Amino acid sequence: MTTPDRAQIIEQLKPALVRASNGRAKVDQVKEDALIIEDIGLASLDLLELRFELEERWQTRITDEEAIRLKTIRDVVDLIAQRLQGDRGQ
């Protein structure tokens, strides 16, 4: 199985953003420097749901400390890419 590139991770992330925000997320042109709350449109309470969506989609566990650091799409992609490169077993 090949590791998805960053663009593929973003494409796979879009449905999770939509579900976490109950359809409010603006995902038509998601860029890595987009802020999850200010630019994508998630509310602060949606971030918990996003964490669950990420854990389910990528079959991983996200700690409280990691979740707090997720401010931009780049932060999310970095975390997922790191997990896909072998940290999944932690």
C-alpha atoms as a PDB file:
ATOM      1  CA  MET A   1       0.000   0.000   0.000  1.00  0.00           C
ATOM      2  CA  THR A   2       1.364   3.380  -0.931  1.00  0.00           C
ATOM      3  CA  THR A   3       1.297   6.368   1.375  1.00  0.00           C
ATOM      4  CA  PRO A   4      -1.025   9.112   0.117  1.00  0.00           C
ATOM      5  CA  ASP A   5       0.581  12.430  -0.738  1.00  0.00           C
ATOM      6  CA  ARG A   6      -0.429  15.660   0.952  1.00  0.00           C
ATOM      7  CA  ALA A   7      -3.005  16.562  -1.723  1.00  0.00           C
ATOM      8  CA  GLN A   8      -4.656  13.160  -1.298  1.00  0.00           C
ATOM      9  CA  ILE A   9      -4.777  13.613   2.476  1.00  0.00           C
ATOM     10  CA  ILE A  10      -6.479  16.994   1.991  1.00  0.00           C
ATOM     11  CA  GLU A  11      -9.057  15.439  -0.352  1.00  0.00           C
ATOM     12  CA  GLN A  12      -9.744  12.704   2.218  1.00  0.00           C
ATOM     13  CA  LEU A  13      -9.919  15.349   4.955  1.00  0.00           C
ATOM     14  CA  LYS A  14     -12.669  17.401   3.286  1.00  0.00           C
ATOM     15  CA  PRO A  15     -15.561  15.019   4.120  1.00  0.00           C
ATOM     16  CA  ALA A  16     -14.355  14.857   7.741  1.00  0.00           C
ATOM     17  CA  LEU A  17     -14.422  18.664   7.941  1.00  0.00           C
ATOM     18  CA  VAL A  18     -17.954  18.731   6.523  1.00  0.00           C
ATOM     19  CA  ARG A  19     -19.189  16.060   8.953  1.00  0.00           C
ATOM     20  CA  ALA A  20     -17.490  17.691  11.942  1.00  0.00           C
ATOM     21  CA  SER A  21     -19.171  21.013  11.155  1.00  0.00           C
ATOM     22  CA  ASN A  22     -22.593  19.614  10.239  1.00  0.00           C
ATOM     23  CA  GLY A  23     -22.116  20.850   6.688  1.00  0.00           C
ATOM     24  CA  ARG A  24     -20.864  24.366   7.483  1.00  0.00           C
ATOM     25  CA  ALA A  25     -17.218  23.842   6.474  1.00  0.00           C
ATOM     26  CA  LYS A  26     -16.005  25.718   3.408  1.00  0.00           C
ATOM     27  CA  VAL A  27     -14.052  22.983   1.639  1.00  0.00           C
ATOM     28  CA  ASP A  28     -14.232  24.016  -2.011  1.00  0.00           C
ATOM     29  CA  GLN A  29     -10.660  25.358  -2.019  1.00  0.00           C
ATOM     30  CA  VAL A  30      -8.895  24.022   1.059  1.00  0.00           C
ATOM     31  CA  LYS A  31      -5.274  25.159   1.269  1.00  0.00           C
ATOM     32  CA  GLU A  32      -2.669  24.025   3.788  1.00  0.00           C
ATOM     33  CA  ASP A  33      -2.317  27.486   5.316  1.00  0.00           C
ATOM     34  CA  ALA A  34      -6.089  27.749   5.955  1.00  0.00           C
ATOM     35  CA  LEU A  35      -7.062  28.187   9.592  1.00  0.00           C
ATOM     36  CA  ILE A  36      -9.556  25.529  10.665  1.00  0.00           C
ATOM     37  CA  ILE A  37     -11.813  27.898  12.601  1.00  0.00           C
ATOM     38  CA  GLU A  38     -11.390  31.247  10.841  1.00  0.00           C
ATOM     39  CA  ASP A  39     -11.023  30.114   7.199  1.00  0.00           C
ATOM     40  CA  ILE A  40     -12.729  26.710   7.013  1.00  0.00           C
ATOM     41  CA  GLY A  41     -15.577  27.749   9.294  1.00  0.00           C
ATOM     42  CA  LEU A  42     -15.554  25.162  12.067  1.00  0.00           C
ATOM     43  CA  ALA A  43     -16.739  26.318  15.478  1.00  0.00           C
ATOM     44  CA  SER A  44     -14.497  25.648  18.445  1.00  0.00           C
ATOM     45  CA  LEU A  45     -16.841  22.867  19.585  1.00  0.00           C
ATOM     46  CA  ASP A  46     -16.537  21.242  16.140  1.00  0.00           C
ATOM     47  CA  LEU A  47     -12.859  20.581  16.809  1.00  0.00           C
ATOM     48  CA  LEU A  48     -13.694  17.718  19.143  1.00  0.00           C
ATOM     49  CA  GLU A  49     -15.851  16.136  16.455  1.00  0.00           C
ATOM     50  CA  LEU A  50     -13.059  16.676  13.921  1.00  0.00           C
ATOM     51  CA  ARG A  51     -10.689  14.798  16.222  1.00  0.00           C
ATOM     52  CA  PHE A  52     -13.102  11.844  16.285  1.00  0.00           C
ATOM     53  CA  GLU A  53     -13.476  11.988  12.503  1.00  0.00           C
ATOM     54  CA  LEU A  54      -9.696  11.934  12.032  1.00  0.00           C
ATOM     55  CA  GLU A  55      -9.266   9.054  14.459  1.00  0.00           C
ATOM     56  CA  GLU A  56     -11.938   7.026  12.696  1.00  0.00           C
ATOM     57  CA  ARG A  57     -10.856   7.807   9.124  1.00  0.00           C
ATOM     58  CA  TRP A  58      -7.159   7.111   9.678  1.00  0.00           C
ATOM     59  CA  GLN A  59      -7.538   4.487  12.427  1.00  0.00           C
ATOM     60  CA  THR A  60      -5.268   6.348  14.824  1.00  0.00           C
ATOM     61  CA  ARG A  61      -5.381   7.911  18.264  1.00  0.00           C
ATOM     62  CA  ILE A  62      -4.905  11.647  18.694  1.00  0.00           C
ATOM     63  CA  THR A  63      -3.817  12.818  22.119  1.00  0.00           C
ATOM     64  CA  ASP A  64      -5.208  15.925  23.804  1.00  0.00           C
ATOM     65  CA  GLU A  65      -1.862  17.666  23.271  1.00  0.00           C
ATOM     66  CA  GLU A  66      -1.888  16.857  19.546  1.00  0.00           C
ATOM     67  CA  ALA A  67      -5.507  17.957  19.162  1.00  0.00           C
ATOM     68  CA  ILE A  68      -4.786  21.324  20.801  1.00  0.00           C
ATOM     69  CA  ARG A  69      -2.027  21.985  18.241  1.00  0.00           C
ATOM     70  CA  LEU A  70      -4.339  21.490  15.230  1.00  0.00           C
ATOM     71  CA  LYS A  71      -4.893  25.080  14.109  1.00  0.00           C
ATOM     72  CA  THR A  72      -4.374  24.895  10.330  1.00  0.00           C
ATOM     73  CA  ILE A  73      -4.984  22.352   7.606  1.00  0.00           C
ATOM     74  CA  ARG A  74      -1.178  21.967   7.428  1.00  0.00           C
ATOM     75  CA  ASP A  75      -1.143  20.900  11.089  1.00  0.00           C
ATOM     76  CA  VAL A  76      -3.709  18.186  10.349  1.00  0.00           C
ATOM     77  CA  VAL A  77      -1.935  17.008   7.184  1.00  0.00           C
ATOM     78  CA  ASP A  78       1.420  16.915   9.018  1.00  0.00           C
ATOM     79  CA  LEU A  79      -0.074  14.777  11.797  1.00  0.00           C
ATOM     80  CA  ILE A  80      -1.773  12.366   9.395  1.00  0.00           C
ATOM     81  CA  ALA A  81       1.287  12.115   7.128  1.00  0.00           C
ATOM     82  CA  GLN A  82       3.459  11.366  10.174  1.00  0.00           C
ATOM     83  CA  ARG A  83       1.090   8.589  11.236  1.00  0.00           C
ATOM     84  CA  LEU A  84       0.955   7.114   7.752  1.00  0.00           C
ATOM     85  CA  GLN A  85       4.747   6.979   7.606  1.00  0.00           C
ATOM     86  CA  GLY A  86       4.974   4.548  10.474  1.00  0.00           C
ATOM     87  CA  ASP A  87       3.954   6.103  13.772  1.00  0.00           C
ATOM     88  CA  ARG A  88       0.575   4.351  13.596  1.00  0.00           C
ATOM     89  CA  GLY A  89       1.576   1.736  16.157  1.00  0.00           C
ATOM     90  CA  GLN A  90       2.116   4.173  19.006  1.00  0.00           C
END
